[in-house]
Amino acid sequence: MVTVKSVKQKLKRALENSFPKAELRLSPTKSAERVWGFLIWNGFTGKEQMDRQDRVWKVLDKALTKDEQAKLSVILTATPNEMKILKED
């Protein structure tokens, strides 16, 4: 059985291995049926959101089964500077 906890662990390993020195903030959704979070990485600087998401999903397609992917809500991508701006608002 696929659990949110097991998906979170696999997701964390896959993203940390593919995005060196990234900050990863993962949480269960309010219903606790899915995982969502932020992937904060300097390597996203100058990249469009679509390109960032394409890169993330290439990793996730290889690392997670379809059942595990169904436990994902959203992985938002940002640079450290973008996160600073979000915190200021």
PDB file of N, CA and C in Angstrom:
ATOM      1  N   MET A   1       0.839  -1.194   0.000  1.00  0.00           N
ATOM      2  CA  MET A   1       0.000   0.000   0.000  1.00  0.00           C
ATOM      3  C   MET A   1       0.882   1.255   0.000  1.00  0.00           C
ATOM      4  N   VAL A   2       0.527   2.183  -0.830  1.00  0.00           N
ATOM      5  CA  VAL A   2       1.260   3.437  -0.933  1.00  0.00           C
ATOM      6  C   VAL A   2       0.763   4.384   0.145  1.00  0.00           C
ATOM      7  N   THR A   3       1.697   4.869   0.968  1.00  0.00           N
ATOM      8  CA  THR A   3       1.337   5.817   2.023  1.00  0.00           C
ATOM      9  C   THR A   3       1.972   7.176   1.758  1.00  0.00           C
ATOM     10  N   VAL A   4       1.407   8.207   2.346  1.00  0.00           N
ATOM     11  CA  VAL A   4       1.965   9.551   2.219  1.00  0.00           C
ATOM     12  C   VAL A   4       3.386   9.571   2.779  1.00  0.00           C
ATOM     13  N   LYS A   5       3.591   8.885   3.895  1.00  0.00           N
ATOM     14  CA  LYS A   5       4.914   8.853   4.523  1.00  0.00           C
ATOM     15  C   LYS A   5       5.951   8.229   3.597  1.00  0.00           C
ATOM     16  N   SER A   6       5.624   7.104   2.962  1.00  0.00           N
ATOM     17  CA  SER A   6       6.596   6.453   2.073  1.00  0.00           C
ATOM     18  C   SER A   6       6.864   7.295   0.827  1.00  0.00           C
ATOM     19  N   VAL A   7       5.829   7.938   0.312  1.00  0.00           N
ATOM     20  CA  VAL A   7       6.004   8.816  -0.856  1.00  0.00           C
ATOM     21  C   VAL A   7       6.879  10.001  -0.484  1.00  0.00           C
ATOM     22  N   LYS A   8       6.638  10.571   0.675  1.00  0.00           N
ATOM     23  CA  LYS A   8       7.429  11.715   1.130  1.00  0.00           C
ATOM     24  C   LYS A   8       8.912  11.342   1.225  1.00  0.00           C
ATOM     25  N   GLN A   9       9.208  10.164   1.739  1.00  0.00           N
ATOM     26  CA  GLN A   9      10.593   9.714   1.870  1.00  0.00           C
ATOM     27  C   GLN A   9      11.246   9.521   0.498  1.00  0.00           C
ATOM     28  N   LYS A  10      10.549   8.859  -0.426  1.00  0.00           N
ATOM     29  CA  LYS A  10      11.093   8.656  -1.777  1.00  0.00           C
ATOM     30  C   LYS A  10      11.255   9.974  -2.514  1.00  0.00           C
ATOM     31  N   LEU A  11      10.287  10.842  -2.362  1.00  0.00           N
ATOM     32  CA  LEU A  11      10.317  12.154  -2.998  1.00  0.00           C
ATOM     33  C   LEU A  11      11.518  12.951  -2.505  1.00  0.00           C
ATOM     34  N   LYS A  12      11.728  12.938  -1.210  1.00  0.00           N
ATOM     35  CA  LYS A  12      12.848  13.657  -0.604  1.00  0.00           C
ATOM     36  C   LYS A  12      14.180  13.155  -1.159  1.00  0.00           C
ATOM     37  N   ARG A  13      14.366  11.843  -1.184  1.00  0.00           N
ATOM     38  CA  ARG A  13      15.618  11.271  -1.710  1.00  0.00           C
ATOM     39  C   ARG A  13      15.832  11.650  -3.174  1.00  0.00           C
ATOM     40  N   ALA A  14      14.799  11.496  -3.978  1.00  0.00           N
ATOM     41  CA  ALA A  14      14.922  11.763  -5.414  1.00  0.00           C
ATOM     42  C   ALA A  14      15.260  13.227  -5.689  1.00  0.00           C
ATOM     43  N   LEU A  15      14.564  14.135  -5.016  1.00  0.00           N
ATOM     44  CA  LEU A  15      14.799  15.557  -5.270  1.00  0.00           C
ATOM     45  C   LEU A  15      16.142  16.021  -4.709  1.00  0.00           C
ATOM     46  N   GLU A  16      16.515  15.526  -3.546  1.00  0.00           N
ATOM     47  CA  GLU A  16      17.815  15.919  -2.979  1.00  0.00           C
ATOM     48  C   GLU A  16      18.965  15.408  -3.838  1.00  0.00           C
ATOM     49  N   ASN A  17      18.813  14.235  -4.427  1.00  0.00           N
ATOM     50  CA  ASN A  17      19.865  13.698  -5.304  1.00  0.00           C
ATOM     51  C   ASN A  17      19.948  14.440  -6.631  1.00  0.00           C
ATOM     52  N   SER A  18      18.827  14.932  -7.116  1.00  0.00           N
ATOM     53  CA  SER A  18      18.793  15.570  -8.432  1.00  0.00           C
ATOM     54  C   SER A  18      18.995  17.081  -8.413  1.00  0.00           C
ATOM     55  N   PHE A  19      18.789  17.689  -7.249  1.00  0.00           N
ATOM     56  CA  PHE A  19      18.928  19.140  -7.112  1.00  0.00           C
ATOM     57  C   PHE A  19      19.877  19.428  -5.953  1.00  0.00           C
ATOM     58  N   PRO A  20      21.189  19.345  -6.207  1.00  0.00           N
ATOM     59  CA  PRO A  20      22.182  19.500  -5.140  1.00  0.00           C
ATOM     60  C   PRO A  20      22.041  20.824  -4.386  1.00  0.00           C
ATOM     61  N   LYS A  21      22.141  20.729  -3.081  1.00  0.00           N
ATOM     62  CA  LYS A  21      22.080  21.877  -2.172  1.00  0.00           C
ATOM     63  C   LYS A  21      20.731  22.585  -2.176  1.00  0.00           C
ATOM     64  N   ALA A  22      19.694  21.917  -2.667  1.00  0.00           N
ATOM     65  CA  ALA A  22      18.344  22.502  -2.647  1.00  0.00           C
ATOM     66  C   ALA A  22      17.771  22.412  -1.246  1.00  0.00           C
ATOM     67  N   GLU A  23      16.873  23.330  -0.958  1.00  0.00           N
ATOM     68  CA  GLU A  23      16.093  23.265   0.274  1.00  0.00           C
ATOM     69  C   GLU A  23      14.736  22.674  -0.098  1.00  0.00           C
ATOM     70  N   LEU A  24      14.332  21.689   0.639  1.00  0.00           N
ATOM     71  CA  LEU A  24      13.081  21.001   0.353  1.00  0.00           C
ATOM     72  C   LEU A  24      12.159  21.112   1.563  1.00  0.00           C
ATOM     73  N   ARG A  25      10.963  21.606   1.323  1.00  0.00           N
ATOM     74  CA  ARG A  25       9.955  21.727   2.387  1.00  0.00           C
ATOM     75  C   ARG A  25       8.731  20.927   1.964  1.00  0.00           C
ATOM     76  N   LEU A  26       8.550  19.760   2.558  1.00  0.00           N
ATOM     77  CA  LEU A  26       7.434  18.884   2.214  1.00  0.00           C
ATOM     78  C   LEU A  26       6.490  18.744   3.397  1.00  0.00           C
ATOM     79  N   SER A  27       5.198  18.729   3.101  1.00  0.00           N
ATOM     80  CA  SER A  27       4.176  18.581   4.133  1.00  0.00           C
ATOM     81  C   SER A  27       3.005  17.780   3.588  1.00  0.00           C
ATOM     82  N   PRO A  28       2.287  17.114   4.482  1.00  0.00           N
ATOM     83  CA  PRO A  28       1.037  16.497   4.031  1.00  0.00           C
ATOM     84  C   PRO A  28      -0.019  17.583   3.823  1.00  0.00           C
ATOM     85  N   THR A  29      -0.958  17.331   2.935  1.00  0.00           N
ATOM     86  CA  THR A  29      -2.081  18.255   2.768  1.00  0.00           C
ATOM     87  C   THR A  29      -2.956  18.185   4.017  1.00  0.00           C
ATOM     88  N   LYS A  30      -3.895  19.088   4.146  1.00  0.00           N
ATOM     89  CA  LYS A  30      -4.775  19.102   5.325  1.00  0.00           C
ATOM     90  C   LYS A  30      -5.508  17.776   5.499  1.00  0.00           C
ATOM     91  N   SER A  31      -5.881  17.154   4.410  1.00  0.00           N
ATOM     92  CA  SER A  31      -6.572  15.864   4.487  1.00  0.00           C
ATOM     93  C   SER A  31      -5.607  14.718   4.798  1.00  0.00           C
ATOM     94  N   ALA A  32      -4.294  15.000   4.731  1.00  0.00           N
ATOM     95  CA  ALA A  32      -3.234  14.006   4.975  1.00  0.00           C
ATOM     96  C   ALA A  32      -3.249  12.878   3.958  1.00  0.00           C
ATOM     97  N   GLU A  33      -3.846  13.113   2.796  1.00  0.00           N
ATOM     98  CA  GLU A  33      -3.905  12.090   1.757  1.00  0.00           C
ATOM     99  C   GLU A  33      -2.869  12.304   0.656  1.00  0.00           C
ATOM    100  N   ARG A  34      -2.245  13.469   0.664  1.00  0.00           N
ATOM    101  CA  ARG A  34      -1.254  13.804  -0.366  1.00  0.00           C
ATOM    102  C   ARG A  34      -0.110  14.591   0.247  1.00  0.00           C
ATOM    103  N   VAL A  35       0.947  14.756  -0.553  1.00  0.00           N
ATOM    104  CA  VAL A  35       2.125  15.519  -0.152  1.00  0.00           C
ATOM    105  C   VAL A  35       2.221  16.748  -1.053  1.00  0.00           C
ATOM    106  N   TRP A  36       2.628  17.854  -0.470  1.00  0.00           N
ATOM    107  CA  TRP A  36       2.892  19.059  -1.262  1.00  0.00           C
ATOM    108  C   TRP A  36       4.128  19.732  -0.681  1.00  0.00           C
ATOM    109  N   GLY A  37       4.673  20.697  -1.413  1.00  0.00           N
ATOM    110  CA  GLY A  37       5.813  21.396  -0.853  1.00  0.00           C
ATOM    111  C   GLY A  37       6.500  22.346  -1.812  1.00  0.00           C
ATOM    112  N   PHE A  38       7.641  22.825  -1.317  1.00  0.00           N
ATOM    113  CA  PHE A  38       8.498  23.749  -2.062  1.00  0.00           C
ATOM    114  C   PHE A  38       9.846  23.096  -2.320  1.00  0.00           C
ATOM    115  N   LEU A  39      10.366  23.304  -3.507  1.00  0.00           N
ATOM    116  CA  LEU A  39      11.733  22.951  -3.858  1.00  0.00           C
ATOM    117  C   LEU A  39      12.434  24.276  -4.161  1.00  0.00           C
ATOM    118  N   ILE A  40      13.351  24.647  -3.292  1.00  0.00           N
ATOM    119  CA  ILE A  40      14.030  25.947  -3.389  1.00  0.00           C
ATOM    120  C   ILE A  40      15.473  25.679  -3.790  1.00  0.00           C
ATOM    121  N   TRP A  41      15.871  26.214  -4.937  1.00  0.00           N
ATOM    122  CA  TRP A  41      17.170  25.865  -5.497  1.00  0.00           C
ATOM    123  C   TRP A  41      17.725  27.012  -6.325  1.00  0.00           C
ATOM    124  N   ASN A  42      18.994  27.333  -6.116  1.00  0.00           N
ATOM    125  CA  ASN A  42      19.655  28.383  -6.901  1.00  0.00           C
ATOM    126  C   ASN A  42      19.683  28.071  -8.391  1.00  0.00           C
ATOM    127  N   GLY A  43      19.685  26.807  -8.743  1.00  0.00           N
ATOM    128  CA  GLY A  43      19.728  26.407 -10.152  1.00  0.00           C
ATOM    129  C   GLY A  43      18.506  26.817 -10.951  1.00  0.00           C
ATOM    130  N   PHE A  44      17.452  27.239 -10.271  1.00  0.00           N
ATOM    131  CA  PHE A  44      16.252  27.701 -10.972  1.00  0.00           C
ATOM    132  C   PHE A  44      16.368  29.156 -11.429  1.00  0.00           C
ATOM    133  N   THR A  45      17.400  29.847 -11.018  1.00  0.00           N
ATOM    134  CA  THR A  45      17.570  31.252 -11.382  1.00  0.00           C
ATOM    135  C   THR A  45      17.584  31.401 -12.901  1.00  0.00           C
ATOM    136  N   GLY A  46      16.741  32.285 -13.404  1.00  0.00           N
ATOM    137  CA  GLY A  46      16.673  32.556 -14.838  1.00  0.00           C
ATOM    138  C   GLY A  46      15.852  31.547 -15.628  1.00  0.00           C
ATOM    139  N   LYS A  47      15.262  30.567 -14.948  1.00  0.00           N
ATOM    140  CA  LYS A  47      14.461  29.537 -15.628  1.00  0.00           C
ATOM    141  C   LYS A  47      12.974  29.847 -15.464  1.00  0.00           C
ATOM    142  N   GLU A  48      12.211  29.598 -16.514  1.00  0.00           N
ATOM    143  CA  GLU A  48      10.760  29.774 -16.469  1.00  0.00           C
ATOM    144  C   GLU A  48      10.132  28.671 -15.626  1.00  0.00           C
ATOM    145  N   GLN A  49       8.973  28.946 -15.050  1.00  0.00           N
ATOM    146  CA  GLN A  49       8.292  27.954 -14.225  1.00  0.00           C
ATOM    147  C   GLN A  49       8.048  26.645 -14.982  1.00  0.00           C
ATOM    148  N   MET A  50       7.661  26.732 -16.237  1.00  0.00           N
ATOM    149  CA  MET A  50       7.395  25.519 -17.021  1.00  0.00           C
ATOM    150  C   MET A  50       8.655  24.666 -17.143  1.00  0.00           C
ATOM    151  N   ASP A  51       9.796  25.301 -17.371  1.00  0.00           N
ATOM    152  CA  ASP A  51      11.060  24.569 -17.471  1.00  0.00           C
ATOM    153  C   ASP A  51      11.422  23.930 -16.133  1.00  0.00           C
ATOM    154  N   ARG A  52      11.181  24.641 -15.046  1.00  0.00           N
ATOM    155  CA  ARG A  52      11.451  24.105 -13.717  1.00  0.00           C
ATOM    156  C   ARG A  52      10.583  22.874 -13.454  1.00  0.00           C
ATOM    157  N   GLN A  53       9.295  22.990 -13.762  1.00  0.00           N
ATOM    158  CA  GLN A  53       8.379  21.878 -13.541  1.00  0.00           C
ATOM    159  C   GLN A  53       8.720  20.682 -14.419  1.00  0.00           C
ATOM    160  N   ASP A  54       9.106  20.945 -15.660  1.00  0.00           N
ATOM    161  CA  ASP A  54       9.525  19.850 -16.550  1.00  0.00           C
ATOM    162  C   ASP A  54      10.697  19.096 -15.943  1.00  0.00           C
ATOM    163  N   ARG A  55      11.646  19.827 -15.409  1.00  0.00           N
ATOM    164  CA  ARG A  55      12.828  19.191 -14.811  1.00  0.00           C
ATOM    165  C   ARG A  55      12.445  18.377 -13.575  1.00  0.00           C
ATOM    166  N   VAL A  56      11.601  18.933 -12.733  1.00  0.00           N
ATOM    167  CA  VAL A  56      11.145  18.218 -11.531  1.00  0.00           C
ATOM    168  C   VAL A  56      10.406  16.946 -11.929  1.00  0.00           C
ATOM    169  N   TRP A  57       9.503  17.050 -12.888  1.00  0.00           N
ATOM    170  CA  TRP A  57       8.699  15.885 -13.260  1.00  0.00           C
ATOM    171  C   TRP A  57       9.489  14.812 -13.996  1.00  0.00           C
ATOM    172  N   LYS A  58      10.551  15.178 -14.662  1.00  0.00           N
ATOM    173  CA  LYS A  58      11.432  14.155 -15.248  1.00  0.00           C
ATOM    174  C   LYS A  58      12.026  13.296 -14.137  1.00  0.00           C
ATOM    175  N   VAL A  59      12.405  13.929 -13.052  1.00  0.00           N
ATOM    176  CA  VAL A  59      12.935  13.209 -11.884  1.00  0.00           C
ATOM    177  C   VAL A  59      11.847  12.344 -11.262  1.00  0.00           C
ATOM    178  N   LEU A  60      10.671  12.929 -11.054  1.00  0.00           N
ATOM    179  CA  LEU A  60       9.595  12.202 -10.388  1.00  0.00           C
ATOM    180  C   LEU A  60       9.076  11.033 -11.214  1.00  0.00           C
ATOM    181  N   ASP A  61       9.032  11.197 -12.526  1.00  0.00           N
ATOM    182  CA  ASP A  61       8.594  10.095 -13.394  1.00  0.00           C
ATOM    183  C   ASP A  61       9.502   8.879 -13.271  1.00  0.00           C
ATOM    184  N   LYS A  62      10.786   9.118 -13.055  1.00  0.00           N
ATOM    185  CA  LYS A  62      11.741   8.017 -12.909  1.00  0.00           C
ATOM    186  C   LYS A  62      11.751   7.444 -11.490  1.00  0.00           C
ATOM    187  N   ALA A  63      11.517   8.290 -10.499  1.00  0.00           N
ATOM    188  CA  ALA A  63      11.680   7.888  -9.104  1.00  0.00           C
ATOM    189  C   ALA A  63      10.425   7.296  -8.470  1.00  0.00           C
ATOM    190  N   LEU A  64       9.254   7.697  -8.960  1.00  0.00           N
ATOM    191  CA  LEU A  64       8.005   7.286  -8.329  1.00  0.00           C
ATOM    192  C   LEU A  64       7.120   6.510  -9.293  1.00  0.00           C
ATOM    193  N   THR A  65       6.401   5.532  -8.756  1.00  0.00           N
ATOM    194  CA  THR A  65       5.416   4.811  -9.556  1.00  0.00           C
ATOM    195  C   THR A  65       4.217   5.724  -9.803  1.00  0.00           C
ATOM    196  N   LYS A  66       3.335   5.310 -10.675  1.00  0.00           N
ATOM    197  CA  LYS A  66       2.118   6.094 -10.945  1.00  0.00           C
ATOM    198  C   LYS A  66       1.260   6.201  -9.680  1.00  0.00           C
ATOM    199  N   ASP A  67       1.169   5.124  -8.898  1.00  0.00           N
ATOM    200  CA  ASP A  67       0.408   5.170  -7.644  1.00  0.00           C
ATOM    201  C   ASP A  67       1.026   6.156  -6.659  1.00  0.00           C
ATOM    202  N   GLU A  68       2.348   6.185  -6.606  1.00  0.00           N
ATOM    203  CA  GLU A  68       3.036   7.138  -5.724  1.00  0.00           C
ATOM    204  C   GLU A  68       2.838   8.566  -6.216  1.00  0.00           C
ATOM    205  N   GLN A  69       2.905   8.766  -7.523  1.00  0.00           N
ATOM    206  CA  GLN A  69       2.687  10.104  -8.082  1.00  0.00           C
ATOM    207  C   GLN A  69       1.279  10.607  -7.777  1.00  0.00           C
ATOM    208  N   ALA A  70       0.333   9.712  -7.676  1.00  0.00           N
ATOM    209  CA  ALA A  70      -1.044  10.092  -7.370  1.00  0.00           C
ATOM    210  C   ALA A  70      -1.163  10.660  -5.951  1.00  0.00           C
ATOM    211  N   LYS A  71      -0.164  10.429  -5.119  1.00  0.00           N
ATOM    212  CA  LYS A  71      -0.161  10.958  -3.752  1.00  0.00           C
ATOM    213  C   LYS A  71       0.461  12.355  -3.682  1.00  0.00           C
ATOM    214  N   LEU A  72       0.859  12.912  -4.824  1.00  0.00           N
ATOM    215  CA  LEU A  72       1.441  14.258  -4.863  1.00  0.00           C
ATOM    216  C   LEU A  72       0.353  15.281  -5.159  1.00  0.00           C
ATOM    217  N   SER A  73       0.427  16.392  -4.472  1.00  0.00           N
ATOM    218  CA  SER A  73      -0.473  17.496  -4.749  1.00  0.00           C
ATOM    219  C   SER A  73       0.220  18.478  -5.677  1.00  0.00           C
ATOM    220  N   VAL A  74       1.252  19.148  -5.162  1.00  0.00           N
ATOM    221  CA  VAL A  74       2.005  20.113  -5.960  1.00  0.00           C
ATOM    222  C   VAL A  74       3.397  20.271  -5.352  1.00  0.00           C
ATOM    223  N   ILE A  75       4.379  20.444  -6.214  1.00  0.00           N
ATOM    224  CA  ILE A  75       5.729  20.811  -5.794  1.00  0.00           C
ATOM    225  C   ILE A  75       6.006  22.156  -6.451  1.00  0.00           C
ATOM    226  N   LEU A  76       6.006  23.199  -5.644  1.00  0.00           N
ATOM    227  CA  LEU A  76       6.272  24.545  -6.144  1.00  0.00           C
ATOM    228  C   LEU A  76       7.775  24.763  -6.205  1.00  0.00           C
ATOM    229  N   THR A  77       8.232  25.442  -7.236  1.00  0.00           N
ATOM    230  CA  THR A  77       9.662  25.688  -7.411  1.00  0.00           C
ATOM    231  C   THR A  77       9.956  27.168  -7.258  1.00  0.00           C
ATOM    232  N   ALA A  78      11.072  27.451  -6.586  1.00  0.00           N
ATOM    233  CA  ALA A  78      11.468  28.844  -6.365  1.00  0.00           C
ATOM    234  C   ALA A  78      12.966  28.924  -6.150  1.00  0.00           C
ATOM    235  N   THR A  79      13.497  30.101  -6.380  1.00  0.00           N
ATOM    236  CA  THR A  79      14.892  30.364  -6.027  1.00  0.00           C
ATOM    237  C   THR A  79      14.907  30.903  -4.595  1.00  0.00           C
ATOM    238  N   PRO A  80      16.058  30.890  -3.942  1.00  0.00           N
ATOM    239  CA  PRO A  80      16.128  31.488  -2.598  1.00  0.00           C
ATOM    240  C   PRO A  80      15.683  32.953  -2.589  1.00  0.00           C
ATOM    241  N   ASN A  81      16.050  33.716  -3.619  1.00  0.00           N
ATOM    242  CA  ASN A  81      15.636  35.126  -3.683  1.00  0.00           C
ATOM    243  C   ASN A  81      14.124  35.272  -3.824  1.00  0.00           C
ATOM    244  N   GLU A  82      13.503  34.403  -4.617  1.00  0.00           N
ATOM    245  CA  GLU A  82      12.048  34.442  -4.761  1.00  0.00           C
ATOM    246  C   GLU A  82      11.366  34.136  -3.425  1.00  0.00           C
ATOM    247  N   MET A  83      11.926  33.218  -2.657  1.00  0.00           N
ATOM    248  CA  MET A  83      11.356  32.891  -1.348  1.00  0.00           C
ATOM    249  C   MET A  83      11.477  34.066  -0.389  1.00  0.00           C
ATOM    250  N   LYS A  84      12.584  34.799  -0.462  1.00  0.00           N
ATOM    251  CA  LYS A  84      12.739  35.992   0.372  1.00  0.00           C
ATOM    252  C   LYS A  84      11.641  36.995   0.071  1.00  0.00           C
ATOM    253  N   ILE A  85      11.348  37.186  -1.208  1.00  0.00           N
ATOM    254  CA  ILE A  85      10.308  38.123  -1.618  1.00  0.00           C
ATOM    255  C   ILE A  85       8.946  37.655  -1.106  1.00  0.00           C
ATOM    256  N   LEU A  86       8.670  36.360  -1.194  1.00  0.00           N
ATOM    257  CA  LEU A  86       7.410  35.827  -0.697  1.00  0.00           C
ATOM    258  C   LEU A  86       7.244  36.053   0.806  1.00  0.00           C
ATOM    259  N   LYS A  87       8.335  35.899   1.538  1.00  0.00           N
ATOM    260  CA  LYS A  87       8.283  36.088   2.986  1.00  0.00           C
ATOM    261  C   LYS A  87       8.034  37.541   3.363  1.00  0.00           C
ATOM    262  N   GLU A  88       8.503  38.468   2.516  1.00  0.00           N
ATOM    263  CA  GLU A  88       8.330  39.897   2.789  1.00  0.00           C
ATOM    264  C   GLU A  88       6.894  40.351   2.622  1.00  0.00           C
ATOM    265  N   ASP A  89       6.159  39.671   1.739  1.00  0.00           N
ATOM    266  CA  ASP A  89       4.763  40.079   1.460  1.00  0.00           C
ATOM    267  C   ASP A  89       3.828  39.724   2.571  1.00  0.00           C
TER     268      ASP A  89
END
